[in-house]
Amino acid sequence: PPLAFDHELMLQLAIKTLRRDICFEPIVCDLLPDTYTMSQLQSLYELILDKKIDPYIFQEMLREMNITIK
Protein backbone atom coordinates (compact mmCIF):
# COMPACT_ATOMS: atom_id res chain seq x y z
CA PRO A 1 0.00 0.00 0.00
CA PRO A 2 1.06 3.61 -0.42
CA LEU A 3 3.15 4.98 2.42
CA ALA A 4 2.29 8.16 4.27
CA PHE A 5 4.14 11.44 3.95
CA ASP A 6 7.72 11.01 2.69
CA HIS A 7 8.09 7.44 3.94
CA GLU A 8 8.40 6.02 0.40
CA LEU A 9 11.36 8.32 -0.22
CA MET A 10 12.89 7.34 3.12
CA LEU A 11 12.49 3.64 2.30
CA GLN A 12 14.08 4.03 -1.14
CA LEU A 13 17.01 5.94 0.36
CA ALA A 14 17.48 3.22 2.99
CA ILE A 15 17.51 0.49 0.32
CA LYS A 16 19.95 2.46 -1.82
CA THR A 17 22.25 3.00 1.18
CA LEU A 18 22.07 -0.66 2.19
CA ARG A 19 22.89 -1.80 -1.34
CA ARG A 20 25.89 0.51 -1.45
CA ASP A 21 27.24 -0.36 1.98
CA ILE A 22 26.89 -4.16 1.96
CA CYS A 23 29.72 -4.46 -0.53
CA PHE A 24 32.15 -2.75 1.83
CA GLU A 25 30.94 -3.43 5.37
CA PRO A 26 29.65 -6.60 7.09
CA ILE A 27 26.33 -5.00 8.07
CA VAL A 28 24.33 -7.84 6.50
CA CYS A 29 25.61 -10.22 9.18
CA ASP A 30 23.49 -8.29 11.69
CA LEU A 31 20.39 -9.44 9.79
CA LEU A 32 21.21 -13.14 10.26
CA PRO A 33 21.40 -15.39 13.33
CA ASP A 34 24.74 -15.79 15.13
CA THR A 35 25.60 -18.80 12.96
CA TYR A 36 24.58 -19.08 9.34
CA THR A 37 25.53 -20.89 6.16
CA MET A 38 27.16 -19.43 3.09
CA SER A 39 23.98 -20.13 1.13
CA GLN A 40 21.90 -18.17 3.66
CA LEU A 41 24.33 -15.27 3.44
CA GLN A 42 24.38 -15.37 -0.34
CA SER A 43 20.57 -15.52 -0.48
CA LEU A 44 20.35 -12.41 1.68
CA TYR A 45 22.84 -10.54 -0.51
CA GLU A 46 20.91 -11.53 -3.62
CA LEU A 47 17.65 -10.41 -2.05
CA ILE A 48 19.05 -7.02 -1.09
CA LEU A 49 20.87 -6.46 -4.38
CA ASP A 50 17.94 -7.86 -6.39
CA LYS A 51 20.21 -9.96 -8.60
CA LYS A 52 21.81 -13.39 -8.73
CA ILE A 53 25.47 -13.62 -7.74
CA ASP A 54 27.85 -16.27 -9.03
CA PRO A 55 28.87 -18.38 -6.00
CA TYR A 56 32.58 -18.17 -6.85
CA ILE A 57 32.48 -14.38 -7.15
CA PHE A 58 30.48 -14.17 -3.94
CA GLN A 59 33.03 -16.24 -2.02
CA GLU A 60 35.89 -14.12 -3.37
CA MET A 61 34.07 -10.95 -2.29
CA LEU A 62 33.66 -12.36 1.23
CA ARG A 63 37.31 -13.36 1.43
CA GLU A 64 38.33 -9.82 0.52
CA MET A 65 35.99 -8.43 3.20
CA ASN A 66 37.37 -10.94 5.74
CA ILE A 67 34.01 -11.47 7.46
CA THR A 68 33.52 -15.24 7.42
CA ILE A 69 35.06 -18.19 9.18
CA LYS A 70 34.93 -21.87 8.28
PDB file of N, CA and C in Angstrom:
ATOM      1  N   PRO A   1       0.830  -1.209   0.000  1.00  0.00           N
ATOM      2  CA  PRO A   1       0.000   0.000   0.000  1.00  0.00           C
ATOM      3  C   PRO A   1       0.864   1.258   0.000  1.00  0.00           C
ATOM      4  N   PRO A   2       0.298   2.344  -0.434  1.00  0.00           N
ATOM      5  CA  PRO A   2       1.056   3.613  -0.417  1.00  0.00           C
ATOM      6  C   PRO A   2       1.472   3.981   1.008  1.00  0.00           C
ATOM      7  N   LEU A   3       2.638   4.561   1.114  1.00  0.00           N
ATOM      8  CA  LEU A   3       3.146   4.979   2.416  1.00  0.00           C
ATOM      9  C   LEU A   3       2.810   6.443   2.657  1.00  0.00           C
ATOM     10  N   ALA A   4       2.666   6.796   3.906  1.00  0.00           N
ATOM     11  CA  ALA A   4       2.294   8.162   4.272  1.00  0.00           C
ATOM     12  C   ALA A   4       3.493   9.105   4.164  1.00  0.00           C
ATOM     13  N   PHE A   5       3.169  10.358   3.946  1.00  0.00           N
ATOM     14  CA  PHE A   5       4.145  11.441   3.947  1.00  0.00           C
ATOM     15  C   PHE A   5       5.325  11.131   3.017  1.00  0.00           C
ATOM     16  N   ASP A   6       6.544  11.261   3.518  1.00  0.00           N
ATOM     17  CA  ASP A   6       7.720  11.011   2.689  1.00  0.00           C
ATOM     18  C   ASP A   6       8.351   9.654   2.989  1.00  0.00           C
ATOM     19  N   HIS A   7       7.555   8.736   3.536  1.00  0.00           N
ATOM     20  CA  HIS A   7       8.094   7.438   3.937  1.00  0.00           C
ATOM     21  C   HIS A   7       8.562   6.600   2.748  1.00  0.00           C
ATOM     22  N   GLU A   8       7.941   6.738   1.600  1.00  0.00           N
ATOM     23  CA  GLU A   8       8.403   6.017   0.405  1.00  0.00           C
ATOM     24  C   GLU A   8       9.810   6.479   0.033  1.00  0.00           C
ATOM     25  N   LEU A   9      10.043   7.773   0.070  1.00  0.00           N
ATOM     26  CA  LEU A   9      11.362   8.323  -0.218  1.00  0.00           C
ATOM     27  C   LEU A   9      12.386   7.833   0.801  1.00  0.00           C
ATOM     28  N   MET A  10      11.996   7.805   2.066  1.00  0.00           N
ATOM     29  CA  MET A  10      12.894   7.336   3.118  1.00  0.00           C
ATOM     30  C   MET A  10      13.238   5.863   2.915  1.00  0.00           C
ATOM     31  N   LEU A  11      12.263   5.060   2.544  1.00  0.00           N
ATOM     32  CA  LEU A  11      12.493   3.638   2.297  1.00  0.00           C
ATOM     33  C   LEU A  11      13.425   3.431   1.115  1.00  0.00           C
ATOM     34  N   GLN A  12      13.209   4.156   0.034  1.00  0.00           N
ATOM     35  CA  GLN A  12      14.076   4.031  -1.142  1.00  0.00           C
ATOM     36  C   GLN A  12      15.510   4.453  -0.829  1.00  0.00           C
ATOM     37  N   LEU A  13      15.669   5.496  -0.045  1.00  0.00           N
ATOM     38  CA  LEU A  13      17.007   5.938   0.358  1.00  0.00           C
ATOM     39  C   LEU A  13      17.686   4.883   1.234  1.00  0.00           C
ATOM     40  N   ALA A  14      16.933   4.268   2.131  1.00  0.00           N
ATOM     41  CA  ALA A  14      17.485   3.222   2.991  1.00  0.00           C
ATOM     42  C   ALA A  14      17.940   2.022   2.159  1.00  0.00           C
ATOM     43  N   ILE A  15      17.147   1.615   1.189  1.00  0.00           N
ATOM     44  CA  ILE A  15      17.507   0.493   0.323  1.00  0.00           C
ATOM     45  C   ILE A  15      18.754   0.836  -0.487  1.00  0.00           C
ATOM     46  N   LYS A  16      18.798   2.032  -1.035  1.00  0.00           N
ATOM     47  CA  LYS A  16      19.952   2.464  -1.816  1.00  0.00           C
ATOM     48  C   LYS A  16      21.221   2.461  -0.952  1.00  0.00           C
ATOM     49  N   THR A  17      21.116   2.955   0.263  1.00  0.00           N
ATOM     50  CA  THR A  17      22.253   3.003   1.176  1.00  0.00           C
ATOM     51  C   THR A  17      22.699   1.592   1.562  1.00  0.00           C
ATOM     52  N   LEU A  18      21.741   0.717   1.855  1.00  0.00           N
ATOM     53  CA  LEU A  18      22.069  -0.665   2.194  1.00  0.00           C
ATOM     54  C   LEU A  18      22.768  -1.358   1.039  1.00  0.00           C
ATOM     55  N   ARG A  19      22.266  -1.175  -0.170  1.00  0.00           N
ATOM     56  CA  ARG A  19      22.886  -1.799  -1.345  1.00  0.00           C
ATOM     57  C   ARG A  19      24.309  -1.297  -1.561  1.00  0.00           C
ATOM     58  N   ARG A  20      24.544  -0.035  -1.288  1.00  0.00           N
ATOM     59  CA  ARG A  20      25.885   0.513  -1.446  1.00  0.00           C
ATOM     60  C   ARG A  20      26.825  -0.017  -0.370  1.00  0.00           C
ATOM     61  N   ASP A  21      26.362  -0.046   0.860  1.00  0.00           N
ATOM     62  CA  ASP A  21      27.238  -0.357   1.982  1.00  0.00           C
ATOM     63  C   ASP A  21      27.529  -1.846   2.161  1.00  0.00           C
ATOM     64  N   ILE A  22      26.644  -2.740   1.706  1.00  0.00           N
ATOM     65  CA  ILE A  22      26.887  -4.164   1.962  1.00  0.00           C
ATOM     66  C   ILE A  22      28.103  -4.699   1.220  1.00  0.00           C
ATOM     67  N   CYS A  23      28.546  -4.008   0.217  1.00  0.00           N
ATOM     68  CA  CYS A  23      29.722  -4.464  -0.528  1.00  0.00           C
ATOM     69  C   CYS A  23      31.030  -4.068   0.148  1.00  0.00           C
ATOM     70  N   PHE A  24      30.937  -3.236   1.171  1.00  0.00           N
ATOM     71  CA  PHE A  24      32.147  -2.752   1.828  1.00  0.00           C
ATOM     72  C   PHE A  24      32.184  -3.006   3.327  1.00  0.00           C
ATOM     73  N   GLU A  25      31.017  -3.247   3.931  1.00  0.00           N
ATOM     74  CA  GLU A  25      30.942  -3.434   5.372  1.00  0.00           C
ATOM     75  C   GLU A  25      30.095  -4.666   5.686  1.00  0.00           C
ATOM     76  N   PRO A  26      30.384  -5.367   6.760  1.00  0.00           N
ATOM     77  CA  PRO A  26      29.651  -6.600   7.092  1.00  0.00           C
ATOM     78  C   PRO A  26      28.311  -6.362   7.786  1.00  0.00           C
ATOM     79  N   ILE A  27      27.587  -5.324   7.390  1.00  0.00           N
ATOM     80  CA  ILE A  27      26.328  -4.999   8.067  1.00  0.00           C
ATOM     81  C   ILE A  27      25.256  -6.049   7.858  1.00  0.00           C
ATOM     82  N   VAL A  28      25.350  -6.825   6.785  1.00  0.00           N
ATOM     83  CA  VAL A  28      24.332  -7.841   6.502  1.00  0.00           C
ATOM     84  C   VAL A  28      24.357  -8.928   7.569  1.00  0.00           C
ATOM     85  N   CYS A  29      25.502  -9.179   8.155  1.00  0.00           N
ATOM     86  CA  CYS A  29      25.606 -10.216   9.184  1.00  0.00           C
ATOM     87  C   CYS A  29      24.702  -9.915  10.377  1.00  0.00           C
ATOM     88  N   ASP A  30      24.388  -8.666  10.596  1.00  0.00           N
ATOM     89  CA  ASP A  30      23.488  -8.293  11.690  1.00  0.00           C
ATOM     90  C   ASP A  30      22.047  -8.704  11.406  1.00  0.00           C
ATOM     91  N   LEU A  31      21.747  -9.038  10.172  1.00  0.00           N
ATOM     92  CA  LEU A  31      20.393  -9.445   9.792  1.00  0.00           C
ATOM     93  C   LEU A  31      20.203 -10.956   9.847  1.00  0.00           C
ATOM     94  N   LEU A  32      21.247 -11.674  10.207  1.00  0.00           N
ATOM     95  CA  LEU A  32      21.208 -13.137  10.264  1.00  0.00           C
ATOM     96  C   LEU A  32      21.432 -13.598  11.706  1.00  0.00           C
ATOM     97  N   PRO A  33      21.099 -14.874  11.989  1.00  0.00           N
ATOM     98  CA  PRO A  33      21.403 -15.394  13.328  1.00  0.00           C
ATOM     99  C   PRO A  33      22.909 -15.440  13.567  1.00  0.00           C
ATOM    100  N   ASP A  34      23.311 -15.765  14.779  1.00  0.00           N
ATOM    101  CA  ASP A  34      24.740 -15.793  15.130  1.00  0.00           C
ATOM    102  C   ASP A  34      25.534 -16.739  14.241  1.00  0.00           C
ATOM    103  N   THR A  35      24.957 -17.876  13.894  1.00  0.00           N
ATOM    104  CA  THR A  35      25.602 -18.798  12.963  1.00  0.00           C
ATOM    105  C   THR A  35      24.709 -18.947  11.738  1.00  0.00           C
ATOM    106  N   TYR A  36      25.330 -18.994  10.592  1.00  0.00           N
ATOM    107  CA  TYR A  36      24.577 -19.084   9.341  1.00  0.00           C
ATOM    108  C   TYR A  36      25.450 -19.746   8.290  1.00  0.00           C
ATOM    109  N   THR A  37      24.801 -20.220   7.247  1.00  0.00           N
ATOM    110  CA  THR A  37      25.528 -20.886   6.165  1.00  0.00           C
ATOM    111  C   THR A  37      25.877 -19.877   5.079  1.00  0.00           C
ATOM    112  N   MET A  38      26.796 -20.281   4.235  1.00  0.00           N
ATOM    113  CA  MET A  38      27.156 -19.429   3.091  1.00  0.00           C
ATOM    114  C   MET A  38      25.947 -19.226   2.179  1.00  0.00           C
ATOM    115  N   SER A  39      25.151 -20.265   2.011  1.00  0.00           N
ATOM    116  CA  SER A  39      23.984 -20.131   1.129  1.00  0.00           C
ATOM    117  C   SER A  39      22.959 -19.160   1.719  1.00  0.00           C
ATOM    118  N   GLN A  40      22.802 -19.140   3.037  1.00  0.00           N
ATOM    119  CA  GLN A  40      21.902 -18.168   3.658  1.00  0.00           C
ATOM    120  C   GLN A  40      22.431 -16.748   3.451  1.00  0.00           C
ATOM    121  N   LEU A  41      23.720 -16.587   3.628  1.00  0.00           N
ATOM    122  CA  LEU A  41      24.330 -15.268   3.444  1.00  0.00           C
ATOM    123  C   LEU A  41      24.203 -14.819   1.996  1.00  0.00           C
ATOM    124  N   GLN A  42      24.486 -15.716   1.072  1.00  0.00           N
ATOM    125  CA  GLN A  42      24.378 -15.366  -0.341  1.00  0.00           C
ATOM    126  C   GLN A  42      22.937 -15.032  -0.713  1.00  0.00           C
ATOM    127  N   SER A  43      21.982 -15.785  -0.196  1.00  0.00           N
ATOM    128  CA  SER A  43      20.570 -15.516  -0.481  1.00  0.00           C
ATOM    129  C   SER A  43      20.170 -14.121  -0.003  1.00  0.00           C
ATOM    130  N   LEU A  44      20.659 -13.741   1.160  1.00  0.00           N
ATOM    131  CA  LEU A  44      20.348 -12.411   1.685  1.00  0.00           C
ATOM    132  C   LEU A  44      20.965 -11.319   0.804  1.00  0.00           C
ATOM    133  N   TYR A  45      22.207 -11.506   0.398  1.00  0.00           N
ATOM    134  CA  TYR A  45      22.838 -10.540  -0.508  1.00  0.00           C
ATOM    135  C   TYR A  45      22.056 -10.426  -1.810  1.00  0.00           C
ATOM    136  N   GLU A  46      21.657 -11.553  -2.359  1.00  0.00           N
ATOM    137  CA  GLU A  46      20.905 -11.531  -3.616  1.00  0.00           C
ATOM    138  C   GLU A  46      19.556 -10.850  -3.448  1.00  0.00           C
ATOM    139  N   LEU A  47      18.928 -11.062  -2.322  1.00  0.00           N
ATOM    140  CA  LEU A  47      17.650 -10.415  -2.048  1.00  0.00           C
ATOM    141  C   LEU A  47      17.813  -8.898  -1.970  1.00  0.00           C
ATOM    142  N   ILE A  48      18.824  -8.460  -1.250  1.00  0.00           N
ATOM    143  CA  ILE A  48      19.050  -7.019  -1.087  1.00  0.00           C
ATOM    144  C   ILE A  48      19.463  -6.373  -2.408  1.00  0.00           C
ATOM    145  N   LEU A  49      20.373  -7.030  -3.126  1.00  0.00           N
ATOM    146  CA  LEU A  49      20.868  -6.463  -4.383  1.00  0.00           C
ATOM    147  C   LEU A  49      19.912  -6.678  -5.550  1.00  0.00           C
ATOM    148  N   ASP A  50      18.930  -7.551  -5.360  1.00  0.00           N
ATOM    149  CA  ASP A  50      17.935  -7.862  -6.387  1.00  0.00           C
ATOM    150  C   ASP A  50      18.583  -8.402  -7.659  1.00  0.00           C
ATOM    151  N   LYS A  51      19.574  -9.301  -7.462  1.00  0.00           N
ATOM    152  CA  LYS A  51      20.214  -9.958  -8.597  1.00  0.00           C
ATOM    153  C   LYS A  51      20.922 -11.207  -8.121  1.00  0.00           C
ATOM    154  N   LYS A  52      21.095 -12.170  -9.033  1.00  0.00           N
ATOM    155  CA  LYS A  52      21.814 -13.392  -8.728  1.00  0.00           C
ATOM    156  C   LYS A  52      23.312 -13.096  -8.723  1.00  0.00           C
ATOM    157  N   ILE A  53      24.027 -13.790  -7.849  1.00  0.00           N
ATOM    158  CA  ILE A  53      25.473 -13.616  -7.741  1.00  0.00           C
ATOM    159  C   ILE A  53      26.118 -14.981  -7.953  1.00  0.00           C
ATOM    160  N   ASP A  54      27.108 -15.036  -8.807  1.00  0.00           N
ATOM    161  CA  ASP A  54      27.852 -16.266  -9.027  1.00  0.00           C
ATOM    162  C   ASP A  54      28.493 -16.680  -7.708  1.00  0.00           C
ATOM    163  N   PRO A  55      28.323 -17.938  -7.293  1.00  0.00           N
ATOM    164  CA  PRO A  55      28.867 -18.379  -6.004  1.00  0.00           C
ATOM    165  C   PRO A  55      30.378 -18.158  -5.863  1.00  0.00           C
ATOM    166  N   TYR A  56      31.128 -18.375  -6.920  1.00  0.00           N
ATOM    167  CA  TYR A  56      32.578 -18.169  -6.847  1.00  0.00           C
ATOM    168  C   TYR A  56      32.900 -16.695  -6.599  1.00  0.00           C
ATOM    169  N   ILE A  57      32.259 -15.821  -7.330  1.00  0.00           N
ATOM    170  CA  ILE A  57      32.482 -14.381  -7.152  1.00  0.00           C
ATOM    171  C   ILE A  57      32.063 -13.943  -5.755  1.00  0.00           C
ATOM    172  N   PHE A  58      30.958 -14.503  -5.279  1.00  0.00           N
ATOM    173  CA  PHE A  58      30.484 -14.167  -3.935  1.00  0.00           C
ATOM    174  C   PHE A  58      31.506 -14.577  -2.877  1.00  0.00           C
ATOM    175  N   GLN A  59      32.033 -15.787  -2.984  1.00  0.00           N
ATOM    176  CA  GLN A  59      33.034 -16.239  -2.017  1.00  0.00           C
ATOM    177  C   GLN A  59      34.302 -15.392  -2.066  1.00  0.00           C
ATOM    178  N   GLU A  60      34.716 -14.992  -3.246  1.00  0.00           N
ATOM    179  CA  GLU A  60      35.887 -14.117  -3.368  1.00  0.00           C
ATOM    180  C   GLU A  60      35.622 -12.761  -2.705  1.00  0.00           C
ATOM    181  N   MET A  61      34.428 -12.231  -2.899  1.00  0.00           N
ATOM    182  CA  MET A  61      34.066 -10.954  -2.287  1.00  0.00           C
ATOM    183  C   MET A  61      34.130 -11.066  -0.765  1.00  0.00           C
ATOM    184  N   LEU A  62      33.626 -12.169  -0.224  1.00  0.00           N
ATOM    185  CA  LEU A  62      33.656 -12.356   1.230  1.00  0.00           C
ATOM    186  C   LEU A  62      35.076 -12.521   1.750  1.00  0.00           C
ATOM    187  N   ARG A  63      35.918 -13.211   1.001  1.00  0.00           N
ATOM    188  CA  ARG A  63      37.314 -13.357   1.425  1.00  0.00           C
ATOM    189  C   ARG A  63      37.995 -11.985   1.510  1.00  0.00           C
ATOM    190  N   GLU A  64      37.729 -11.151   0.534  1.00  0.00           N
ATOM    191  CA  GLU A  64      38.325  -9.815   0.524  1.00  0.00           C
ATOM    192  C   GLU A  64      37.831  -8.988   1.700  1.00  0.00           C
ATOM    193  N   MET A  65      36.567  -9.181   2.074  1.00  0.00           N
ATOM    194  CA  MET A  65      35.990  -8.434   3.200  1.00  0.00           C
ATOM    195  C   MET A  65      36.416  -9.022   4.542  1.00  0.00           C
ATOM    196  N   ASN A  66      36.896 -10.278   4.529  1.00  0.00           N
ATOM    197  CA  ASN A  66      37.375 -10.945   5.735  1.00  0.00           C
ATOM    198  C   ASN A  66      36.299 -10.995   6.830  1.00  0.00           C
ATOM    199  N   ILE A  67      35.102 -11.466   6.468  1.00  0.00           N
ATOM    200  CA  ILE A  67      34.007 -11.470   7.456  1.00  0.00           C
ATOM    201  C   ILE A  67      33.476 -12.868   7.763  1.00  0.00           C
ATOM    202  N   THR A  68      34.034 -13.901   7.164  1.00  0.00           N
ATOM    203  CA  THR A  68      33.515 -15.241   7.420  1.00  0.00           C
ATOM    204  C   THR A  68      34.598 -16.138   7.995  1.00  0.00           C
ATOM    205  N   ILE A  69      34.145 -17.161   8.695  1.00  0.00           N
ATOM    206  CA  ILE A  69      35.056 -18.191   9.182  1.00  0.00           C
ATOM    207  C   ILE A  69      34.503 -19.546   8.760  1.00  0.00           C
ATOM    208  N   LYS A  70      35.380 -20.526   8.662  1.00  0.00           N
ATOM    209  CA  LYS A  70      34.933 -21.868   8.281  1.00  0.00           C
ATOM    210  C   LYS A  70      34.214 -22.537   9.427  1.00  0.00           C
TER     211      LYS A  70
END
